[in-house]
Amino acid sequence: MKTAFQILSDIEHAAGAAGFTMADVCREAGIHQAQVSRWKAKVSEPRLSGLQRLEDALNELVQPSLRLNVE
């Protein structure tokens, strides 16, 4: 089972691979980038709902570019 920090790292890696920054993902998710920085520094631990919002935001950012590649 992955930890919250591993999931956050996976989201960040996937964002970079898709050409997006974590700032882009945070903006789409409505989460302050400073909060994500605190999670990455292990000052606080993200809740599952926060990770889900980031994952959903990443999916929203990636889906339009996938549609463009298919057409």
N, C-alpha and C. Protein backbone atom coordinates (compact mmCIF):
# COMPACT_ATOMS: atom_id res chain seq x y z
N MET A 1 0.84 -1.18 0.00
CA MET A 1 0.00 0.00 0.00
C MET A 1 0.89 1.24 0.00
N LYS A 2 0.59 2.17 -0.89
CA LYS A 2 1.37 3.39 -0.99
C LYS A 2 0.99 4.37 0.11
N THR A 3 1.98 5.13 0.53
CA THR A 3 1.72 6.19 1.50
C THR A 3 1.19 7.42 0.77
N ALA A 4 0.65 8.34 1.52
CA ALA A 4 0.16 9.59 0.94
C ALA A 4 1.28 10.33 0.23
N PHE A 5 2.49 10.26 0.77
CA PHE A 5 3.62 10.95 0.17
C PHE A 5 4.03 10.30 -1.14
N GLN A 6 3.92 8.98 -1.24
CA GLN A 6 4.22 8.28 -2.49
C GLN A 6 3.18 8.62 -3.56
N ILE A 7 1.93 8.71 -3.16
CA ILE A 7 0.87 9.07 -4.10
C ILE A 7 1.09 10.49 -4.61
N LEU A 8 1.46 11.40 -3.72
CA LEU A 8 1.74 12.78 -4.10
C LEU A 8 2.91 12.81 -5.10
N SER A 9 3.93 12.04 -4.85
CA SER A 9 5.06 11.95 -5.75
C SER A 9 4.64 11.40 -7.12
N ASP A 10 3.78 10.40 -7.12
CA ASP A 10 3.27 9.82 -8.37
C ASP A 10 2.49 10.87 -9.18
N ILE A 11 1.68 11.66 -8.49
CA ILE A 11 0.90 12.70 -9.16
C ILE A 11 1.85 13.73 -9.77
N GLU A 12 2.87 14.11 -9.01
CA GLU A 12 3.83 15.10 -9.51
C GLU A 12 4.58 14.55 -10.73
N HIS A 13 4.98 13.30 -10.67
CA HIS A 13 5.69 12.67 -11.79
C HIS A 13 4.79 12.61 -13.03
N ALA A 14 3.54 12.19 -12.84
CA ALA A 14 2.60 12.08 -13.95
C ALA A 14 2.32 13.45 -14.56
N ALA A 15 2.23 14.47 -13.73
CA ALA A 15 2.01 15.82 -14.23
C ALA A 15 3.18 16.25 -15.12
N GLY A 16 4.38 16.03 -14.64
CA GLY A 16 5.57 16.39 -15.42
C GLY A 16 5.65 15.63 -16.73
N ALA A 17 5.32 14.35 -16.68
CA ALA A 17 5.35 13.52 -17.89
C ALA A 17 4.32 14.01 -18.92
N ALA A 18 3.23 14.61 -18.45
CA ALA A 18 2.18 15.11 -19.33
C ALA A 18 2.43 16.56 -19.75
N GLY A 19 3.52 17.15 -19.25
CA GLY A 19 3.85 18.52 -19.62
C GLY A 19 3.25 19.59 -18.73
N PHE A 20 2.83 19.20 -17.54
CA PHE A 20 2.23 20.15 -16.61
C PHE A 20 3.09 20.26 -15.36
N THR A 21 3.00 21.40 -14.69
CA THR A 21 3.69 21.58 -13.42
C THR A 21 2.71 21.30 -12.29
N MET A 22 3.24 21.14 -11.10
CA MET A 22 2.36 20.98 -9.94
C MET A 22 1.56 22.26 -9.71
N ALA A 23 2.11 23.40 -10.11
CA ALA A 23 1.35 24.66 -10.00
C ALA A 23 0.10 24.58 -10.86
N ASP A 24 0.21 24.01 -12.05
CA ASP A 24 -0.95 23.83 -12.93
C ASP A 24 -2.00 22.93 -12.26
N VAL A 25 -1.52 21.83 -11.70
CA VAL A 25 -2.42 20.86 -11.06
C VAL A 25 -3.08 21.49 -9.84
N CYS A 26 -2.30 22.20 -9.04
CA CYS A 26 -2.84 22.85 -7.84
C CYS A 26 -3.91 23.87 -8.21
N ARG A 27 -3.62 24.66 -9.24
CA ARG A 27 -4.58 25.68 -9.68
C ARG A 27 -5.89 25.02 -10.12
N GLU A 28 -5.80 23.95 -10.89
CA GLU A 28 -6.99 23.23 -11.35
C GLU A 28 -7.76 22.61 -10.18
N ALA A 29 -7.01 22.14 -9.16
CA ALA A 29 -7.63 21.48 -8.01
C ALA A 29 -8.16 22.48 -6.98
N GLY A 30 -7.72 23.73 -7.07
CA GLY A 30 -8.13 24.72 -6.08
C GLY A 30 -7.41 24.54 -4.75
N ILE A 31 -6.20 24.01 -4.81
CA ILE A 31 -5.39 23.80 -3.61
C ILE A 31 -4.18 24.72 -3.71
N HIS A 32 -3.88 25.43 -2.65
CA HIS A 32 -2.73 26.33 -2.65
C HIS A 32 -1.44 25.53 -2.81
N GLN A 33 -0.58 26.05 -3.65
CA GLN A 33 0.69 25.38 -3.89
C GLN A 33 1.52 25.30 -2.60
N ALA A 34 1.36 26.29 -1.72
CA ALA A 34 2.08 26.27 -0.44
C ALA A 34 1.67 25.06 0.40
N GLN A 35 0.40 24.69 0.32
CA GLN A 35 -0.07 23.51 1.06
C GLN A 35 0.60 22.25 0.53
N VAL A 36 0.69 22.13 -0.78
CA VAL A 36 1.33 20.96 -1.37
C VAL A 36 2.81 20.94 -1.00
N SER A 37 3.43 22.11 -0.95
CA SER A 37 4.84 22.19 -0.53
C SER A 37 5.01 21.70 0.90
N ARG A 38 4.05 22.02 1.77
CA ARG A 38 4.12 21.54 3.16
C ARG A 38 3.96 20.02 3.19
N TRP A 39 3.11 19.48 2.32
CA TRP A 39 2.96 18.02 2.26
C TRP A 39 4.26 17.38 1.79
N LYS A 40 4.85 17.95 0.74
CA LYS A 40 6.09 17.39 0.20
C LYS A 40 7.23 17.44 1.22
N ALA A 41 7.25 18.48 2.04
CA ALA A 41 8.27 18.63 3.07
C ALA A 41 7.95 17.82 4.32
N LYS A 42 6.81 17.14 4.28
CA LYS A 42 6.33 16.30 5.38
C LYS A 42 6.09 17.10 6.67
N VAL A 43 5.73 18.39 6.47
CA VAL A 43 5.34 19.22 7.61
C VAL A 43 3.95 18.81 8.07
N SER A 44 3.12 18.46 7.09
CA SER A 44 1.79 17.94 7.38
C SER A 44 1.49 16.84 6.37
N GLU A 45 0.51 16.04 6.67
CA GLU A 45 0.17 14.92 5.78
C GLU A 45 -1.14 15.23 5.06
N PRO A 46 -1.17 14.98 3.76
CA PRO A 46 -2.40 15.27 3.02
C PRO A 46 -3.51 14.29 3.37
N ARG A 47 -4.72 14.79 3.34
CA ARG A 47 -5.88 13.91 3.50
C ARG A 47 -6.16 13.25 2.16
N LEU A 48 -6.86 12.15 2.22
CA LEU A 48 -7.22 11.44 1.00
C LEU A 48 -8.00 12.35 0.06
N SER A 49 -8.87 13.19 0.60
CA SER A 49 -9.67 14.08 -0.24
C SER A 49 -8.79 15.07 -1.01
N GLY A 50 -7.72 15.54 -0.40
CA GLY A 50 -6.80 16.45 -1.08
C GLY A 50 -6.06 15.76 -2.20
N LEU A 51 -5.62 14.54 -1.95
CA LEU A 51 -4.95 13.77 -3.00
C LEU A 51 -5.91 13.46 -4.14
N GLN A 52 -7.15 13.17 -3.80
CA GLN A 52 -8.14 12.86 -4.83
C GLN A 52 -8.41 14.10 -5.69
N ARG A 53 -8.46 15.27 -5.06
CA ARG A 53 -8.66 16.51 -5.82
C ARG A 53 -7.51 16.75 -6.77
N LEU A 54 -6.28 16.49 -6.33
CA LEU A 54 -5.12 16.65 -7.20
C LEU A 54 -5.17 15.66 -8.36
N GLU A 55 -5.51 14.43 -8.06
CA GLU A 55 -5.60 13.41 -9.11
C GLU A 55 -6.69 13.76 -10.12
N ASP A 56 -7.84 14.18 -9.63
CA ASP A 56 -8.93 14.58 -10.52
C ASP A 56 -8.53 15.77 -11.39
N ALA A 57 -7.83 16.72 -10.79
CA ALA A 57 -7.38 17.90 -11.53
C ALA A 57 -6.39 17.50 -12.62
N LEU A 58 -5.48 16.62 -12.29
CA LEU A 58 -4.52 16.14 -13.29
C LEU A 58 -5.25 15.46 -14.44
N ASN A 59 -6.22 14.64 -14.13
CA ASN A 59 -6.99 13.97 -15.17
C ASN A 59 -7.72 14.98 -16.05
N GLU A 60 -8.25 16.03 -15.46
CA GLU A 60 -8.93 17.07 -16.23
C GLU A 60 -7.96 17.80 -17.16
N LEU A 61 -6.74 18.03 -16.68
CA LEU A 61 -5.74 18.70 -17.51
C LEU A 61 -5.27 17.80 -18.66
N VAL A 62 -5.11 16.53 -18.38
CA VAL A 62 -4.56 15.61 -19.37
C VAL A 62 -5.60 15.22 -20.42
N GLN A 63 -6.85 15.07 -20.05
CA GLN A 63 -7.87 14.60 -20.99
C GLN A 63 -8.00 15.46 -22.24
N PRO A 64 -8.03 16.78 -22.15
CA PRO A 64 -8.15 17.57 -23.39
C PRO A 64 -6.98 17.32 -24.33
N SER A 65 -5.76 17.19 -23.81
CA SER A 65 -4.61 16.96 -24.69
C SER A 65 -4.68 15.57 -25.31
N LEU A 66 -5.26 14.60 -24.61
CA LEU A 66 -5.42 13.26 -25.19
C LEU A 66 -6.43 13.31 -26.33
N ARG A 67 -7.49 14.07 -26.15
CA ARG A 67 -8.51 14.19 -27.20
C ARG A 67 -7.90 14.83 -28.45
N LEU A 68 -7.03 15.81 -28.28
CA LEU A 68 -6.40 16.46 -29.43
C LEU A 68 -5.50 15.50 -30.18
N ASN A 69 -4.82 14.61 -29.47
CA ASN A 69 -3.92 13.66 -30.11
C ASN A 69 -4.68 12.61 -30.89
N VAL A 70 -5.91 12.31 -30.49
CA VAL A 70 -6.70 11.27 -31.14
C VAL A 70 -7.32 11.80 -32.44
N GLU A 71 -7.69 13.07 -32.44
CA GLU A 71 -8.39 13.62 -33.60
C GLU A 71 -7.50 13.86 -34.78
